[in-house]
Amino acid sequence: MGAKLSRRDRIKKGIRKRLSGSTERPRLSVYRSNKGIYAQIIDDLTGKTIVSASSLSKDFAADGTKSEQSVAVGKLVAQKAIAAGIKDVVFDRNGYLYHGRVKSLAEGAREGGLNF
């Protein structure tokens, strides 16, 4: 494993030690790859994913830069979450810096109506 991945794993463990998603306030987890960005809303008490959205999914149709796609994924996950009855979430940046695409996704989710 490279130095960047082991560093991200260390940061991720520190974050997950402090925060956990409950039924009332589930966790919004972000995963970023080179090609796409993924978001899941997870209830950690039951261990189930409630809502998910991705820039590579079939129901996603937005072009533009990766940052613009991140905003659209944030809005999509917020729309699905509100339809499922979820307003408040805990944001889990998953070891990534709160910058760039991760920040764009968070801002898109806030615009879509999620509180965190």
N, C-alpha and C. Protein backbone atom coordinates (compact mmCIF):
# COMPACT_ATOMS: atom_id res chain seq x y z
N MET A 1 0.85 -1.17 0.00
CA MET A 1 0.00 0.00 0.00
C MET A 1 0.90 1.24 0.00
N GLY A 2 0.51 2.23 -0.79
CA GLY A 2 1.31 3.44 -0.90
C GLY A 2 1.19 4.33 0.32
N ALA A 3 2.04 5.32 0.36
CA ALA A 3 2.07 6.24 1.50
C ALA A 3 0.78 7.04 1.60
N LYS A 4 0.21 7.45 0.44
CA LYS A 4 -1.03 8.23 0.48
C LYS A 4 -2.18 7.42 1.04
N LEU A 5 -2.29 6.15 0.61
CA LEU A 5 -3.40 5.32 1.07
C LEU A 5 -3.28 5.00 2.55
N SER A 6 -2.07 4.71 3.02
CA SER A 6 -1.92 4.40 4.44
C SER A 6 -2.18 5.65 5.29
N ARG A 7 -1.81 6.82 4.78
CA ARG A 7 -2.11 8.07 5.48
C ARG A 7 -3.61 8.28 5.56
N ARG A 8 -4.31 8.05 4.43
CA ARG A 8 -5.76 8.22 4.40
C ARG A 8 -6.43 7.23 5.35
N ASP A 9 -5.92 6.01 5.41
CA ASP A 9 -6.48 5.02 6.33
C ASP A 9 -6.33 5.45 7.78
N ARG A 10 -5.18 6.02 8.12
CA ARG A 10 -4.97 6.50 9.49
C ARG A 10 -5.94 7.62 9.82
N ILE A 11 -6.10 8.58 8.90
CA ILE A 11 -7.03 9.70 9.11
C ILE A 11 -8.45 9.17 9.22
N LYS A 12 -8.79 8.21 8.34
CA LYS A 12 -10.14 7.63 8.31
C LYS A 12 -10.48 6.96 9.65
N LYS A 13 -9.54 6.21 10.21
CA LYS A 13 -9.77 5.56 11.50
C LYS A 13 -10.00 6.58 12.60
N GLY A 14 -9.26 7.69 12.57
CA GLY A 14 -9.46 8.74 13.56
C GLY A 14 -10.83 9.39 13.45
N ILE A 15 -11.28 9.58 12.22
CA ILE A 15 -12.60 10.19 11.99
C ILE A 15 -13.69 9.24 12.47
N ARG A 16 -13.58 7.96 12.09
CA ARG A 16 -14.62 6.98 12.43
C ARG A 16 -14.66 6.69 13.92
N LYS A 17 -13.55 6.96 14.63
CA LYS A 17 -13.54 6.80 16.08
C LYS A 17 -14.45 7.83 16.73
N ARG A 18 -14.51 9.01 16.12
CA ARG A 18 -15.28 10.12 16.69
C ARG A 18 -16.72 10.17 16.24
N LEU A 19 -17.04 9.68 15.03
CA LEU A 19 -18.41 9.85 14.55
C LEU A 19 -19.01 8.53 14.11
N SER A 20 -20.33 8.45 14.31
CA SER A 20 -21.08 7.26 13.95
C SER A 20 -22.48 7.68 13.55
N GLY A 21 -23.06 6.98 12.59
CA GLY A 21 -24.40 7.31 12.14
C GLY A 21 -25.45 6.54 12.91
N SER A 22 -26.47 7.23 13.36
CA SER A 22 -27.56 6.60 14.09
C SER A 22 -28.79 6.55 13.20
N THR A 23 -29.88 6.01 13.72
CA THR A 23 -31.11 5.96 12.96
C THR A 23 -31.67 7.37 12.77
N GLU A 24 -31.57 8.22 13.80
CA GLU A 24 -32.08 9.58 13.70
C GLU A 24 -31.17 10.46 12.83
N ARG A 25 -29.88 10.21 12.91
CA ARG A 25 -28.91 11.02 12.18
C ARG A 25 -27.86 10.11 11.54
N PRO A 26 -28.18 9.57 10.35
CA PRO A 26 -27.25 8.63 9.70
C PRO A 26 -26.00 9.33 9.15
N ARG A 27 -25.05 8.52 8.72
CA ARG A 27 -23.75 9.01 8.26
C ARG A 27 -23.74 9.13 6.74
N LEU A 28 -23.32 10.28 6.23
CA LEU A 28 -23.15 10.49 4.79
C LEU A 28 -21.68 10.26 4.47
N SER A 29 -21.39 9.11 3.86
CA SER A 29 -20.02 8.71 3.57
C SER A 29 -19.69 9.00 2.11
N VAL A 30 -18.51 9.52 1.87
CA VAL A 30 -18.07 9.90 0.52
C VAL A 30 -16.90 9.02 0.11
N TYR A 31 -16.92 8.52 -1.12
CA TYR A 31 -15.75 7.83 -1.68
C TYR A 31 -15.42 8.49 -3.00
N ARG A 32 -14.16 8.77 -3.20
CA ARG A 32 -13.70 9.47 -4.39
C ARG A 32 -12.71 8.59 -5.13
N SER A 33 -12.99 8.32 -6.41
CA SER A 33 -12.02 7.61 -7.24
C SER A 33 -11.54 8.56 -8.33
N ASN A 34 -10.66 8.09 -9.18
CA ASN A 34 -10.17 8.96 -10.25
C ASN A 34 -11.26 9.29 -11.25
N LYS A 35 -12.18 8.35 -11.47
CA LYS A 35 -13.22 8.56 -12.49
C LYS A 35 -14.53 9.08 -11.93
N GLY A 36 -14.87 8.74 -10.72
CA GLY A 36 -16.19 9.11 -10.21
C GLY A 36 -16.18 9.45 -8.74
N ILE A 37 -17.36 9.81 -8.26
CA ILE A 37 -17.53 10.10 -6.83
C ILE A 37 -18.81 9.41 -6.38
N TYR A 38 -18.78 8.87 -5.18
CA TYR A 38 -19.88 8.06 -4.66
C TYR A 38 -20.26 8.59 -3.29
N ALA A 39 -21.56 8.54 -2.98
CA ALA A 39 -22.04 8.97 -1.67
C ALA A 39 -23.06 7.95 -1.18
N GLN A 40 -22.97 7.61 0.09
CA GLN A 40 -23.92 6.68 0.73
C GLN A 40 -24.38 7.28 2.04
N ILE A 41 -25.64 7.05 2.36
CA ILE A 41 -26.15 7.41 3.68
C ILE A 41 -26.36 6.10 4.42
N ILE A 42 -25.65 5.95 5.53
CA ILE A 42 -25.54 4.67 6.23
C ILE A 42 -26.05 4.79 7.66
N ASP A 43 -26.86 3.81 8.08
CA ASP A 43 -27.26 3.68 9.48
C ASP A 43 -26.31 2.69 10.12
N ASP A 44 -25.40 3.17 10.96
CA ASP A 44 -24.37 2.30 11.54
C ASP A 44 -24.91 1.37 12.60
N LEU A 45 -26.07 1.67 13.18
CA LEU A 45 -26.62 0.79 14.21
C LEU A 45 -27.11 -0.51 13.59
N THR A 46 -27.72 -0.43 12.42
CA THR A 46 -28.19 -1.64 11.73
C THR A 46 -27.20 -2.12 10.69
N GLY A 47 -26.24 -1.26 10.32
CA GLY A 47 -25.25 -1.64 9.32
C GLY A 47 -25.80 -1.64 7.91
N LYS A 48 -26.81 -0.84 7.64
CA LYS A 48 -27.45 -0.85 6.33
C LYS A 48 -27.27 0.50 5.64
N THR A 49 -27.12 0.42 4.30
CA THR A 49 -27.09 1.62 3.47
C THR A 49 -28.53 1.99 3.14
N ILE A 50 -28.92 3.21 3.47
CA ILE A 50 -30.28 3.65 3.25
C ILE A 50 -30.44 4.22 1.85
N VAL A 51 -29.51 5.10 1.46
CA VAL A 51 -29.57 5.79 0.17
C VAL A 51 -28.17 5.85 -0.40
N SER A 52 -28.05 5.74 -1.72
CA SER A 52 -26.75 5.90 -2.35
C SER A 52 -26.90 6.62 -3.67
N ALA A 53 -25.83 7.29 -4.08
CA ALA A 53 -25.79 7.97 -5.38
C ALA A 53 -24.35 7.95 -5.86
N SER A 54 -24.20 7.98 -7.19
CA SER A 54 -22.88 7.91 -7.78
C SER A 54 -22.87 8.65 -9.10
N SER A 55 -21.70 9.15 -9.47
CA SER A 55 -21.59 9.82 -10.76
C SER A 55 -21.54 8.82 -11.90
N LEU A 56 -21.39 7.54 -11.59
CA LEU A 56 -21.34 6.51 -12.62
C LEU A 56 -22.62 5.69 -12.71
N SER A 57 -23.63 6.03 -11.91
CA SER A 57 -24.87 5.25 -11.92
C SER A 57 -25.72 5.60 -13.15
N LYS A 58 -26.67 4.74 -13.46
CA LYS A 58 -27.49 4.91 -14.66
C LYS A 58 -28.47 6.07 -14.54
N ASP A 59 -28.96 6.35 -13.32
CA ASP A 59 -29.94 7.43 -13.16
C ASP A 59 -29.28 8.81 -13.04
N PHE A 60 -27.96 8.85 -13.13
CA PHE A 60 -27.22 10.11 -13.07
C PHE A 60 -26.90 10.57 -14.48
N ALA A 61 -27.29 11.79 -14.81
CA ALA A 61 -27.02 12.31 -16.15
C ALA A 61 -26.57 13.75 -16.05
N ALA A 62 -25.30 13.95 -15.74
CA ALA A 62 -24.74 15.30 -15.69
C ALA A 62 -23.35 15.27 -16.28
N ASP A 63 -23.09 16.19 -17.15
CA ASP A 63 -21.77 16.30 -17.73
C ASP A 63 -21.05 17.48 -17.09
N GLY A 64 -19.82 17.69 -17.50
CA GLY A 64 -19.05 18.80 -16.95
C GLY A 64 -17.81 18.28 -16.25
N THR A 65 -17.20 19.16 -15.48
CA THR A 65 -15.99 18.77 -14.76
C THR A 65 -16.35 17.83 -13.62
N LYS A 66 -15.34 17.22 -13.03
CA LYS A 66 -15.60 16.31 -11.92
C LYS A 66 -16.18 17.04 -10.72
N SER A 67 -15.79 18.29 -10.52
CA SER A 67 -16.35 19.07 -9.41
C SER A 67 -17.83 19.37 -9.64
N GLU A 68 -18.19 19.68 -10.88
CA GLU A 68 -19.60 19.92 -11.20
C GLU A 68 -20.42 18.65 -11.03
N GLN A 69 -19.85 17.51 -11.40
CA GLN A 69 -20.53 16.23 -11.20
C GLN A 69 -20.70 15.95 -9.71
N SER A 70 -19.72 16.34 -8.89
CA SER A 70 -19.81 16.13 -7.45
C SER A 70 -20.97 16.91 -6.85
N VAL A 71 -21.16 18.15 -7.30
CA VAL A 71 -22.29 18.94 -6.83
C VAL A 71 -23.60 18.25 -7.19
N ALA A 72 -23.68 17.73 -8.41
CA ALA A 72 -24.90 17.05 -8.86
C ALA A 72 -25.15 15.77 -8.07
N VAL A 73 -24.10 15.03 -7.73
CA VAL A 73 -24.26 13.82 -6.91
C VAL A 73 -24.73 14.20 -5.52
N GLY A 74 -24.20 15.29 -4.97
CA GLY A 74 -24.65 15.78 -3.66
C GLY A 74 -26.13 16.11 -3.67
N LYS A 75 -26.58 16.80 -4.70
CA LYS A 75 -28.00 17.15 -4.81
C LYS A 75 -28.85 15.89 -4.98
N LEU A 76 -28.35 14.92 -5.76
CA LEU A 76 -29.10 13.68 -6.00
C LEU A 76 -29.24 12.87 -4.71
N VAL A 77 -28.17 12.75 -3.94
CA VAL A 77 -28.25 11.99 -2.69
C VAL A 77 -29.15 12.71 -1.68
N ALA A 78 -29.14 14.04 -1.70
CA ALA A 78 -30.03 14.81 -0.80
C ALA A 78 -31.48 14.60 -1.20
N GLN A 79 -31.75 14.61 -2.48
CA GLN A 79 -33.12 14.40 -2.97
C GLN A 79 -33.63 13.01 -2.58
N LYS A 80 -32.78 11.98 -2.75
CA LYS A 80 -33.17 10.62 -2.37
C LYS A 80 -33.36 10.49 -0.86
N ALA A 81 -32.50 11.17 -0.09
CA ALA A 81 -32.58 11.10 1.37
C ALA A 81 -33.86 11.75 1.88
N ILE A 82 -34.21 12.90 1.32
CA ILE A 82 -35.43 13.58 1.75
C ILE A 82 -36.65 12.75 1.39
N ALA A 83 -36.59 12.07 0.24
CA ALA A 83 -37.69 11.17 -0.13
C ALA A 83 -37.79 10.00 0.85
N ALA A 84 -36.66 9.60 1.44
CA ALA A 84 -36.65 8.51 2.41
C ALA A 84 -36.92 9.01 3.83
N GLY A 85 -37.13 10.33 3.99
CA GLY A 85 -37.46 10.88 5.30
C GLY A 85 -36.27 11.27 6.14
N ILE A 86 -35.12 11.53 5.53
CA ILE A 86 -33.90 11.89 6.26
C ILE A 86 -33.58 13.35 5.97
N LYS A 87 -33.45 14.15 7.03
CA LYS A 87 -33.09 15.56 6.88
C LYS A 87 -31.69 15.85 7.43
N ASP A 88 -31.36 15.23 8.57
CA ASP A 88 -30.09 15.49 9.25
C ASP A 88 -29.15 14.32 9.08
N VAL A 89 -27.90 14.61 8.74
CA VAL A 89 -26.88 13.57 8.59
C VAL A 89 -25.58 14.03 9.25
N VAL A 90 -24.68 13.07 9.45
CA VAL A 90 -23.33 13.34 9.91
C VAL A 90 -22.43 13.16 8.69
N PHE A 91 -21.57 14.12 8.39
CA PHE A 91 -20.73 14.05 7.20
C PHE A 91 -19.44 13.32 7.50
N ASP A 92 -19.17 12.25 6.74
CA ASP A 92 -17.96 11.45 6.87
C ASP A 92 -17.13 11.65 5.61
N ARG A 93 -16.04 12.40 5.71
CA ARG A 93 -15.23 12.67 4.53
C ARG A 93 -14.31 11.52 4.19
N ASN A 94 -14.31 10.48 5.01
CA ASN A 94 -13.65 9.21 4.71
C ASN A 94 -12.13 9.34 4.54
N GLY A 95 -11.51 10.26 5.27
CA GLY A 95 -10.07 10.41 5.21
C GLY A 95 -9.59 11.39 4.15
N TYR A 96 -10.49 11.87 3.30
CA TYR A 96 -10.11 12.84 2.28
C TYR A 96 -10.11 14.24 2.90
N LEU A 97 -9.34 15.14 2.33
CA LEU A 97 -9.36 16.52 2.78
C LEU A 97 -10.69 17.15 2.37
N TYR A 98 -11.21 18.04 3.20
CA TYR A 98 -12.45 18.74 2.87
C TYR A 98 -12.09 19.84 1.88
N HIS A 99 -11.98 19.45 0.61
CA HIS A 99 -11.45 20.32 -0.41
C HIS A 99 -11.82 19.74 -1.76
N GLY A 100 -12.01 20.57 -2.75
CA GLY A 100 -12.24 20.07 -4.10
C GLY A 100 -13.55 19.34 -4.26
N ARG A 101 -13.48 18.09 -4.75
CA ARG A 101 -14.70 17.33 -5.05
C ARG A 101 -15.48 16.94 -3.81
N VAL A 102 -14.80 16.67 -2.71
CA VAL A 102 -15.49 16.31 -1.47
C VAL A 102 -16.28 17.52 -0.96
N LYS A 103 -15.67 18.68 -1.01
CA LYS A 103 -16.35 19.91 -0.59
C LYS A 103 -17.51 20.23 -1.53
N SER A 104 -17.33 20.00 -2.82
CA SER A 104 -18.41 20.25 -3.80
C SER A 104 -19.60 19.35 -3.53
N LEU A 105 -19.35 18.08 -3.21
CA LEU A 105 -20.44 17.16 -2.90
C LEU A 105 -21.18 17.62 -1.65
N ALA A 106 -20.45 18.04 -0.64
CA ALA A 106 -21.08 18.51 0.61
C ALA A 106 -21.93 19.74 0.35
N GLU A 107 -21.43 20.68 -0.45
CA GLU A 107 -22.21 21.88 -0.75
C GLU A 107 -23.45 21.54 -1.56
N GLY A 108 -23.34 20.58 -2.49
CA GLY A 108 -24.50 20.14 -3.26
C GLY A 108 -25.55 19.50 -2.38
N ALA A 109 -25.10 18.71 -1.39
CA ALA A 109 -26.04 18.06 -0.47
C ALA A 109 -26.74 19.11 0.39
N ARG A 110 -26.01 20.13 0.81
CA ARG A 110 -26.63 21.22 1.59
C ARG A 110 -27.64 21.98 0.75
N GLU A 111 -27.29 22.25 -0.52
CA GLU A 111 -28.24 22.91 -1.41
C GLU A 111 -29.49 22.07 -1.61
N GLY A 112 -29.31 20.74 -1.63
CA GLY A 112 -30.44 19.82 -1.82
C GLY A 112 -31.34 19.73 -0.60
N GLY A 113 -30.89 20.24 0.56
CA GLY A 113 -31.75 20.28 1.74
C GLY A 113 -31.28 19.47 2.92
N LEU A 114 -30.10 18.86 2.87
CA LEU A 114 -29.61 18.11 4.02
C LEU A 114 -28.93 19.04 5.02
N ASN A 115 -29.04 18.72 6.30
CA ASN A 115 -28.40 19.50 7.37
C ASN A 115 -27.27 18.69 7.97
N PHE A 116 -26.07 19.27 8.01
CA PHE A 116 -24.93 18.67 8.72
C PHE A 116 -23.91 19.71 9.07
